Amino acid sequence: MKAILTVVGKDQVGIIAKVSSFLAEKNINILDLSQTIMDGYFTMMMMTELPETSNLKETSDQLQELGHANDLTITFRNAELYKSMHQL
């Protein structure tokens, strides 16, 4: 299953390392990513692919906890849901 991950927060050292390390521990592959820093705020969007056995809700909750611990807002949504939300 593919999922979209977004990260937003004040720029700080190690954001990409923390998020990508978490994903690697869960065997979640990063397919594509875009990141930038705008006026001191870090923003990143990733297209990921989860193993068949992954629980999206549980992983999303864990990523939110990671975000809270690092003063970041992290969202993780099924790519199909994300696509449906943004269709006109």
PDB file of N, CA and C in Angstrom:
ATOM      1  N   MET A   1       0.835  -1.169   0.000  1.00  0.00           N
ATOM      2  CA  MET A   1       0.000   0.000   0.000  1.00  0.00           C
ATOM      3  C   MET A   1       0.886   1.239   0.000  1.00  0.00           C
ATOM      4  N   LYS A   2       0.486   2.240  -0.775  1.00  0.00           N
ATOM      5  CA  LYS A   2       1.214   3.499  -0.810  1.00  0.00           C
ATOM      6  C   LYS A   2       0.557   4.485   0.149  1.00  0.00           C
ATOM      7  N   ALA A   3       1.397   5.328   0.762  1.00  0.00           N
ATOM      8  CA  ALA A   3       0.910   6.334   1.695  1.00  0.00           C
ATOM      9  C   ALA A   3       1.721   7.615   1.525  1.00  0.00           C
ATOM     10  N   ILE A   4       1.048   8.741   1.790  1.00  0.00           N
ATOM     11  CA  ILE A   4       1.689  10.054   1.721  1.00  0.00           C
ATOM     12  C   ILE A   4       2.013  10.507   3.146  1.00  0.00           C
ATOM     13  N   LEU A   5       3.249  10.900   3.352  1.00  0.00           N
ATOM     14  CA  LEU A   5       3.703  11.402   4.637  1.00  0.00           C
ATOM     15  C   LEU A   5       4.055  12.874   4.473  1.00  0.00           C
ATOM     16  N   THR A   6       3.562  13.718   5.372  1.00  0.00           N
ATOM     17  CA  THR A   6       3.937  15.130   5.354  1.00  0.00           C
ATOM     18  C   THR A   6       4.519  15.504   6.711  1.00  0.00           C
ATOM     19  N   VAL A   7       5.512  16.382   6.672  1.00  0.00           N
ATOM     20  CA  VAL A   7       6.171  16.859   7.888  1.00  0.00           C
ATOM     21  C   VAL A   7       6.293  18.376   7.775  1.00  0.00           C
ATOM     22  N   VAL A   8       5.873  19.077   8.829  1.00  0.00           N
ATOM     23  CA  VAL A   8       5.999  20.533   8.872  1.00  0.00           C
ATOM     24  C   VAL A   8       6.444  20.933  10.269  1.00  0.00           C
ATOM     25  N   GLY A   9       7.381  21.870  10.339  1.00  0.00           N
ATOM     26  CA  GLY A   9       7.806  22.380  11.639  1.00  0.00           C
ATOM     27  C   GLY A   9       8.980  23.316  11.505  1.00  0.00           C
ATOM     28  N   LYS A  10       9.319  23.957  12.607  1.00  0.00           N
ATOM     29  CA  LYS A  10      10.471  24.856  12.616  1.00  0.00           C
ATOM     30  C   LYS A  10      11.714  24.039  12.260  1.00  0.00           C
ATOM     31  N   ASP A  11      12.540  24.578  11.388  1.00  0.00           N
ATOM     32  CA  ASP A  11      13.727  23.866  10.929  1.00  0.00           C
ATOM     33  C   ASP A  11      14.652  23.553  12.099  1.00  0.00           C
ATOM     34  N   GLN A  12      15.175  22.324  12.102  1.00  0.00           N
ATOM     35  CA  GLN A  12      16.120  21.886  13.125  1.00  0.00           C
ATOM     36  C   GLN A  12      16.970  20.754  12.541  1.00  0.00           C
ATOM     37  N   VAL A  13      18.089  20.529  13.128  1.00  0.00           N
ATOM     38  CA  VAL A  13      18.992  19.476  12.674  1.00  0.00           C
ATOM     39  C   VAL A  13      18.352  18.106  12.903  1.00  0.00           C
ATOM     40  N   GLY A  14      18.424  17.238  11.897  1.00  0.00           N
ATOM     41  CA  GLY A  14      18.052  15.839  12.068  1.00  0.00           C
ATOM     42  C   GLY A  14      16.631  15.442  11.734  1.00  0.00           C
ATOM     43  N   ILE A  15      15.822  16.341  11.195  1.00  0.00           N
ATOM     44  CA  ILE A  15      14.428  15.977  10.900  1.00  0.00           C
ATOM     45  C   ILE A  15      14.374  14.825   9.903  1.00  0.00           C
ATOM     46  N   ILE A  16      15.067  14.959   8.794  1.00  0.00           N
ATOM     47  CA  ILE A  16      15.029  13.906   7.765  1.00  0.00           C
ATOM     48  C   ILE A  16      15.586  12.604   8.335  1.00  0.00           C
ATOM     49  N   ALA A  17      16.644  12.675   9.104  1.00  0.00           N
ATOM     50  CA  ALA A  17      17.245  11.473   9.691  1.00  0.00           C
ATOM     51  C   ALA A  17      16.269  10.769  10.628  1.00  0.00           C
ATOM     52  N   LYS A  18      15.580  11.520  11.472  1.00  0.00           N
ATOM     53  CA  LYS A  18      14.634  10.912  12.415  1.00  0.00           C
ATOM     54  C   LYS A  18      13.486  10.232  11.699  1.00  0.00           C
ATOM     55  N   VAL A  19      12.918  10.925  10.714  1.00  0.00           N
ATOM     56  CA  VAL A  19      11.772  10.366   9.993  1.00  0.00           C
ATOM     57  C   VAL A  19      12.199   9.170   9.148  1.00  0.00           C
ATOM     58  N   SER A  20      13.289   9.301   8.416  1.00  0.00           N
ATOM     59  CA  SER A  20      13.715   8.192   7.554  1.00  0.00           C
ATOM     60  C   SER A  20      14.184   6.989   8.371  1.00  0.00           C
ATOM     61  N   SER A  21      14.784   7.208   9.536  1.00  0.00           N
ATOM     62  CA  SER A  21      15.175   6.096  10.407  1.00  0.00           C
ATOM     63  C   SER A  21      13.944   5.349  10.906  1.00  0.00           C
ATOM     64  N   PHE A  22      12.910   6.090  11.292  1.00  0.00           N
ATOM     65  CA  PHE A  22      11.658   5.457  11.725  1.00  0.00           C
ATOM     66  C   PHE A  22      11.090   4.590  10.600  1.00  0.00           C
ATOM     67  N   LEU A  23      11.040   5.151   9.389  1.00  0.00           N
ATOM     68  CA  LEU A  23      10.498   4.415   8.250  1.00  0.00           C
ATOM     69  C   LEU A  23      11.320   3.157   7.968  1.00  0.00           C
ATOM     70  N   ALA A  24      12.632   3.264   8.039  1.00  0.00           N
ATOM     71  CA  ALA A  24      13.497   2.106   7.789  1.00  0.00           C
ATOM     72  C   ALA A  24      13.241   1.006   8.823  1.00  0.00           C
ATOM     73  N   GLU A  25      13.060   1.387  10.082  1.00  0.00           N
ATOM     74  CA  GLU A  25      12.774   0.407  11.133  1.00  0.00           C
ATOM     75  C   GLU A  25      11.471  -0.352  10.856  1.00  0.00           C
ATOM     76  N   LYS A  26      10.522   0.313  10.209  1.00  0.00           N
ATOM     77  CA  LYS A  26       9.220  -0.290   9.893  1.00  0.00           C
ATOM     78  C   LYS A  26       9.214  -0.938   8.507  1.00  0.00           C
ATOM     79  N   ASN A  27      10.377  -0.951   7.842  1.00  0.00           N
ATOM     80  CA  ASN A  27      10.507  -1.517   6.502  1.00  0.00           C
ATOM     81  C   ASN A  27       9.605  -0.809   5.487  1.00  0.00           C
ATOM     82  N   ILE A  28       9.459   0.503   5.664  1.00  0.00           N
ATOM     83  CA  ILE A  28       8.653   1.331   4.756  1.00  0.00           C
ATOM     84  C   ILE A  28       9.595   1.998   3.765  1.00  0.00           C
ATOM     85  N   ASN A  29       9.345   1.786   2.490  1.00  0.00           N
ATOM     86  CA  ASN A  29      10.197   2.306   1.429  1.00  0.00           C
ATOM     87  C   ASN A  29       9.790   3.728   1.052  1.00  0.00           C
ATOM     88  N   ILE A  30      10.762   4.605   0.861  1.00  0.00           N
ATOM     89  CA  ILE A  30      10.515   5.960   0.372  1.00  0.00           C
ATOM     90  C   ILE A  30      10.623   5.912  -1.147  1.00  0.00           C
ATOM     91  N   LEU A  31       9.521   6.208  -1.829  1.00  0.00           N
ATOM     92  CA  LEU A  31       9.483   6.169  -3.288  1.00  0.00           C
ATOM     93  C   LEU A  31       9.860   7.511  -3.910  1.00  0.00           C
ATOM     94  N   ASP A  32       9.460   8.586  -3.254  1.00  0.00           N
ATOM     95  CA  ASP A  32       9.728   9.922  -3.783  1.00  0.00           C
ATOM     96  C   ASP A  32       9.626  10.901  -2.625  1.00  0.00           C
ATOM     97  N   LEU A  33      10.343  12.014  -2.716  1.00  0.00           N
ATOM     98  CA  LEU A  33      10.206  13.029  -1.680  1.00  0.00           C
ATOM     99  C   LEU A  33      10.535  14.404  -2.205  1.00  0.00           C
ATOM    100  N   SER A  34       9.947  15.368  -1.542  1.00  0.00           N
ATOM    101  CA  SER A  34      10.202  16.769  -1.831  1.00  0.00           C
ATOM    102  C   SER A  34      10.310  17.469  -0.485  1.00  0.00           C
ATOM    103  N   GLN A  35      11.318  18.308  -0.329  1.00  0.00           N
ATOM    104  CA  GLN A  35      11.461  19.040   0.924  1.00  0.00           C
ATOM    105  C   GLN A  35      12.029  20.416   0.634  1.00  0.00           C
ATOM    106  N   THR A  36      11.664  21.342   1.491  1.00  0.00           N
ATOM    107  CA  THR A  36      12.175  22.698   1.360  1.00  0.00           C
ATOM    108  C   THR A  36      12.122  23.380   2.716  1.00  0.00           C
ATOM    109  N   ILE A  37      12.815  24.474   2.821  1.00  0.00           N
ATOM    110  CA  ILE A  37      12.753  25.311   4.018  1.00  0.00           C
ATOM    111  C   ILE A  37      12.224  26.668   3.574  1.00  0.00           C
ATOM    112  N   MET A  38      11.124  27.081   4.195  1.00  0.00           N
ATOM    113  CA  MET A  38      10.495  28.354   3.855  1.00  0.00           C
ATOM    114  C   MET A  38      10.459  29.228   5.102  1.00  0.00           C
ATOM    115  N   ASP A  39      11.195  30.328   5.077  1.00  0.00           N
ATOM    116  CA  ASP A  39      11.211  31.293   6.172  1.00  0.00           C
ATOM    117  C   ASP A  39      11.455  30.624   7.526  1.00  0.00           C
ATOM    118  N   GLY A  40      12.387  29.666   7.549  1.00  0.00           N
ATOM    119  CA  GLY A  40      12.750  29.004   8.792  1.00  0.00           C
ATOM    120  C   GLY A  40      11.907  27.795   9.151  1.00  0.00           C
ATOM    121  N   TYR A  41      10.935  27.454   8.298  1.00  0.00           N
ATOM    122  CA  TYR A  41      10.096  26.282   8.543  1.00  0.00           C
ATOM    123  C   TYR A  41      10.395  25.193   7.528  1.00  0.00           C
ATOM    124  N   PHE A  42      10.586  24.000   8.049  1.00  0.00           N
ATOM    125  CA  PHE A  42      10.876  22.824   7.244  1.00  0.00           C
ATOM    126  C   PHE A  42       9.559  22.212   6.775  1.00  0.00           C
ATOM    127  N   THR A  43       9.485  21.866   5.493  1.00  0.00           N
ATOM    128  CA  THR A  43       8.316  21.149   4.959  1.00  0.00           C
ATOM    129  C   THR A  43       8.819  19.991   4.108  1.00  0.00           C
ATOM    130  N   MET A  44       8.155  18.847   4.249  1.00  0.00           N
ATOM    131  CA  MET A  44       8.549  17.676   3.465  1.00  0.00           C
ATOM    132  C   MET A  44       7.311  16.850   3.148  1.00  0.00           C
ATOM    133  N   MET A  45       7.306  16.302   1.949  1.00  0.00           N
ATOM    134  CA  MET A  45       6.252  15.385   1.532  1.00  0.00           C
ATOM    135  C   MET A  45       6.933  14.165   0.934  1.00  0.00           C
ATOM    136  N   MET A  46       6.478  12.982   1.361  1.00  0.00           N
ATOM    137  CA  MET A  46       7.049  11.730   0.863  1.00  0.00           C
ATOM    138  C   MET A  46       5.945  10.822   0.340  1.00  0.00           C
ATOM    139  N   MET A  47       6.233  10.128  -0.757  1.00  0.00           N
ATOM    140  CA  MET A  47       5.404   9.014  -1.207  1.00  0.00           C
ATOM    141  C   MET A  47       6.120   7.772  -0.689  1.00  0.00           C
ATOM    142  N   THR A  48       5.407   6.955   0.074  1.00  0.00           N
ATOM    143  CA  THR A  48       6.010   5.761   0.663  1.00  0.00           C
ATOM    144  C   THR A  48       5.226   4.518   0.263  1.00  0.00           C
ATOM    145  N   GLU A  49       5.859   3.375   0.465  1.00  0.00           N
ATOM    146  CA  GLU A  49       5.189   2.099   0.235  1.00  0.00           C
ATOM    147  C   GLU A  49       5.394   1.221   1.464  1.00  0.00           C
ATOM    148  N   LEU A  50       4.268   0.785   2.044  1.00  0.00           N
ATOM    149  CA  LEU A  50       4.297  -0.032   3.250  1.00  0.00           C
ATOM    150  C   LEU A  50       4.248  -1.510   2.896  1.00  0.00           C
ATOM    151  N   PRO A  51       4.859  -2.337   3.736  1.00  0.00           N
ATOM    152  CA  PRO A  51       4.706  -3.783   3.551  1.00  0.00           C
ATOM    153  C   PRO A  51       3.237  -4.181   3.732  1.00  0.00           C
ATOM    154  N   GLU A  52       2.843  -5.273   3.125  1.00  0.00           N
ATOM    155  CA  GLU A  52       1.453  -5.753   3.197  1.00  0.00           C
ATOM    156  C   GLU A  52       0.979  -5.919   4.640  1.00  0.00           C
ATOM    157  N   THR A  53       1.881  -6.283   5.528  1.00  0.00           N
ATOM    158  CA  THR A  53       1.509  -6.570   6.914  1.00  0.00           C
ATOM    159  C   THR A  53       1.425  -5.331   7.798  1.00  0.00           C
ATOM    160  N   SER A  54       1.736  -4.155   7.255  1.00  0.00           N
ATOM    161  CA  SER A  54       1.736  -2.929   8.057  1.00  0.00           C
ATOM    162  C   SER A  54       0.319  -2.482   8.395  1.00  0.00           C
ATOM    163  N   ASN A  55       0.209  -1.876   9.568  1.00  0.00           N
ATOM    164  CA  ASN A  55      -1.048  -1.287  10.019  1.00  0.00           C
ATOM    165  C   ASN A  55      -0.918   0.227   9.865  1.00  0.00           C
ATOM    166  N   LEU A  56      -1.636   0.798   8.898  1.00  0.00           N
ATOM    167  CA  LEU A  56      -1.513   2.222   8.587  1.00  0.00           C
ATOM    168  C   LEU A  56      -1.868   3.087   9.788  1.00  0.00           C
ATOM    169  N   LYS A  57      -2.933   2.770  10.483  1.00  0.00           N
ATOM    170  CA  LYS A  57      -3.381   3.570  11.634  1.00  0.00           C
ATOM    171  C   LYS A  57      -2.327   3.552  12.740  1.00  0.00           C
ATOM    172  N   GLU A  58      -1.821   2.386  13.054  1.00  0.00           N
ATOM    173  CA  GLU A  58      -0.805   2.260  14.100  1.00  0.00           C
ATOM    174  C   GLU A  58       0.463   3.039  13.720  1.00  0.00           C
ATOM    175  N   THR A  59       0.878   2.912  12.467  1.00  0.00           N
ATOM    176  CA  THR A  59       2.070   3.627  11.997  1.00  0.00           C
ATOM    177  C   THR A  59       1.837   5.125  12.027  1.00  0.00           C
ATOM    178  N   SER A  60       0.657   5.564  11.620  1.00  0.00           N
ATOM    179  CA  SER A  60       0.306   6.985  11.650  1.00  0.00           C
ATOM    180  C   SER A  60       0.369   7.524  13.078  1.00  0.00           C
ATOM    181  N   ASP A  61      -0.189   6.780  14.026  1.00  0.00           N
ATOM    182  CA  ASP A  61      -0.152   7.198  15.432  1.00  0.00           C
ATOM    183  C   ASP A  61       1.290   7.313  15.935  1.00  0.00           C
ATOM    184  N   GLN A  62       2.128   6.365  15.566  1.00  0.00           N
ATOM    185  CA  GLN A  62       3.532   6.396  15.987  1.00  0.00           C
ATOM    186  C   GLN A  62       4.269   7.585  15.375  1.00  0.00           C
ATOM    187  N   LEU A  63       3.953   7.903  14.120  1.00  0.00           N
ATOM    188  CA  LEU A  63       4.572   9.068  13.479  1.00  0.00           C
ATOM    189  C   LEU A  63       4.102  10.368  14.130  1.00  0.00           C
ATOM    190  N   GLN A  64       2.836  10.423  14.536  1.00  0.00           N
ATOM    191  CA  GLN A  64       2.347  11.607  15.243  1.00  0.00           C
ATOM    192  C   GLN A  64       3.087  11.780  16.567  1.00  0.00           C
ATOM    193  N   GLU A  65       3.337  10.676  17.269  1.00  0.00           N
ATOM    194  CA  GLU A  65       4.106  10.727  18.514  1.00  0.00           C
ATOM    195  C   GLU A  65       5.524  11.230  18.254  1.00  0.00           C
ATOM    196  N   LEU A  66       6.142  10.737  17.184  1.00  0.00           N
ATOM    197  CA  LEU A  66       7.472  11.207  16.797  1.00  0.00           C
ATOM    198  C   LEU A  66       7.425  12.710  16.535  1.00  0.00           C
ATOM    199  N   GLY A  67       6.392  13.154  15.855  1.00  0.00           N
ATOM    200  CA  GLY A  67       6.236  14.579  15.586  1.00  0.00           C
ATOM    201  C   GLY A  67       6.104  15.396  16.855  1.00  0.00           C
ATOM    202  N   HIS A  68       5.237  14.969  17.762  1.00  0.00           N
ATOM    203  CA  HIS A  68       5.045  15.692  19.020  1.00  0.00           C
ATOM    204  C   HIS A  68       6.346  15.782  19.814  1.00  0.00           C
ATOM    205  N   ALA A  69       7.108  14.718  19.827  1.00  0.00           N
ATOM    206  CA  ALA A  69       8.369  14.694  20.573  1.00  0.00           C
ATOM    207  C   ALA A  69       9.406  15.639  19.975  1.00  0.00           C
ATOM    208  N   ASN A  70       9.222  16.019  18.711  1.00  0.00           N
ATOM    209  CA  ASN A  70      10.208  16.860  18.024  1.00  0.00           C
ATOM    210  C   ASN A  70       9.617  18.184  17.535  1.00  0.00           C
ATOM    211  N   ASP A  71       8.483  18.586  18.079  1.00  0.00           N
ATOM    212  CA  ASP A  71       7.808  19.838  17.702  1.00  0.00           C
ATOM    213  C   ASP A  71       7.527  19.919  16.207  1.00  0.00           C
ATOM    214  N   LEU A  72       7.042  18.806  15.644  1.00  0.00           N
ATOM    215  CA  LEU A  72       6.695  18.724  14.228  1.00  0.00           C
ATOM    216  C   LEU A  72       5.251  18.255  14.077  1.00  0.00           C
ATOM    217  N   THR A  73       4.643  18.615  12.977  1.00  0.00           N
ATOM    218  CA  THR A  73       3.345  18.055  12.626  1.00  0.00           C
ATOM    219  C   THR A  73       3.580  17.033  11.529  1.00  0.00           C
ATOM    220  N   ILE A  74       3.268  15.776  11.829  1.00  0.00           N
ATOM    221  CA  ILE A  74       3.466  14.691  10.861  1.00  0.00           C
ATOM    222  C   ILE A  74       2.123  14.040  10.583  1.00  0.00           C
ATOM    223  N   THR A  75       1.783  13.940   9.303  1.00  0.00           N
ATOM    224  CA  THR A  75       0.573  13.223   8.899  1.00  0.00           C
ATOM    225  C   THR A  75       0.964  12.089   7.968  1.00  0.00           C
ATOM    226  N   PHE A  76       0.174  11.021   8.009  1.00  0.00           N
ATOM    227  CA  PHE A  76       0.449   9.830   7.214  1.00  0.00           C
ATOM    228  C   PHE A  76      -0.894   9.293   6.749  1.00  0.00           C
ATOM    229  N   ARG A  77      -1.149   9.357   5.435  1.00  0.00           N
ATOM    230  CA  ARG A  77      -2.453   8.962   4.893  1.00  0.00           C
ATOM    231  C   ARG A  77      -2.286   8.014   3.715  1.00  0.00           C
ATOM    232  N   ASN A  78      -3.260   7.148   3.577  1.00  0.00           N
ATOM    233  CA  ASN A  78      -3.329   6.274   2.410  1.00  0.00           C
ATOM    234  C   ASN A  78      -3.300   7.148   1.156  1.00  0.00           C
ATOM    235  N   ALA A  79      -2.467   6.815   0.196  1.00  0.00           N
ATOM    236  CA  ALA A  79      -2.326   7.627  -1.018  1.00  0.00           C
ATOM    237  C   ALA A  79      -3.636   7.716  -1.791  1.00  0.00           C
ATOM    238  N   GLU A  80      -4.423   6.645  -1.799  1.00  0.00           N
ATOM    239  CA  GLU A  80      -5.711   6.674  -2.500  1.00  0.00           C
ATOM    240  C   GLU A  80      -6.669   7.661  -1.843  1.00  0.00           C
ATOM    241  N   LEU A  81      -6.671   7.706  -0.515  1.00  0.00           N
ATOM    242  CA  LEU A  81      -7.510   8.661   0.204  1.00  0.00           C
ATOM    243  C   LEU A  81      -7.051  10.077  -0.100  1.00  0.00           C
ATOM    244  N   TYR A  82      -5.753  10.296  -0.059  1.00  0.00           N
ATOM    245  CA  TYR A  82      -5.187  11.609  -0.361  1.00  0.00           C
ATOM    246  C   TYR A  82      -5.582  12.051  -1.763  1.00  0.00           C
ATOM    247  N   LYS A  83      -5.496  11.127  -2.711  1.00  0.00           N
ATOM    248  CA  LYS A  83      -5.868  11.426  -4.095  1.00  0.00           C
ATOM    249  C   LYS A  83      -7.348  11.789  -4.204  1.00  0.00           C
ATOM    250  N   SER A  84      -8.199  11.049  -3.535  1.00  0.00           N
ATOM    251  CA  SER A  84      -9.638  11.305  -3.538  1.00  0.00           C
ATOM    252  C   SER A  84      -9.962  12.649  -2.906  1.00  0.00           C
ATOM    253  N   MET A  85      -9.249  13.006  -1.837  1.00  0.00           N
ATOM    254  CA  MET A  85      -9.494  14.278  -1.140  1.00  0.00           C
ATOM    255  C   MET A  85      -9.181  15.474  -2.015  1.00  0.00           C
ATOM    256  N   HIS A  86      -8.285  15.299  -2.969  1.00  0.00           N
ATOM    257  CA  HIS A  86      -7.815  16.432  -3.767  1.00  0.00           C
ATOM    258  C   HIS A  86      -8.318  16.440  -5.203  1.00  0.00           C
ATOM    259  N   GLN A  87      -9.283  15.587  -5.507  1.00  0.00           N
ATOM    260  CA  GLN A  87      -9.874  15.603  -6.843  1.00  0.00           C
ATOM    261  C   GLN A  87     -11.019  16.615  -6.862  1.00  0.00           C
ATOM    262  N   LEU A  88     -11.179  17.258  -7.985  1.00  0.00           N
ATOM    263  CA  LEU A  88     -12.287  18.207  -8.136  1.00  0.00           C
ATOM    264  C   LEU A  88     -13.470  17.550  -8.803  1.00  0.00           C
TER     265      LEU A  88
END
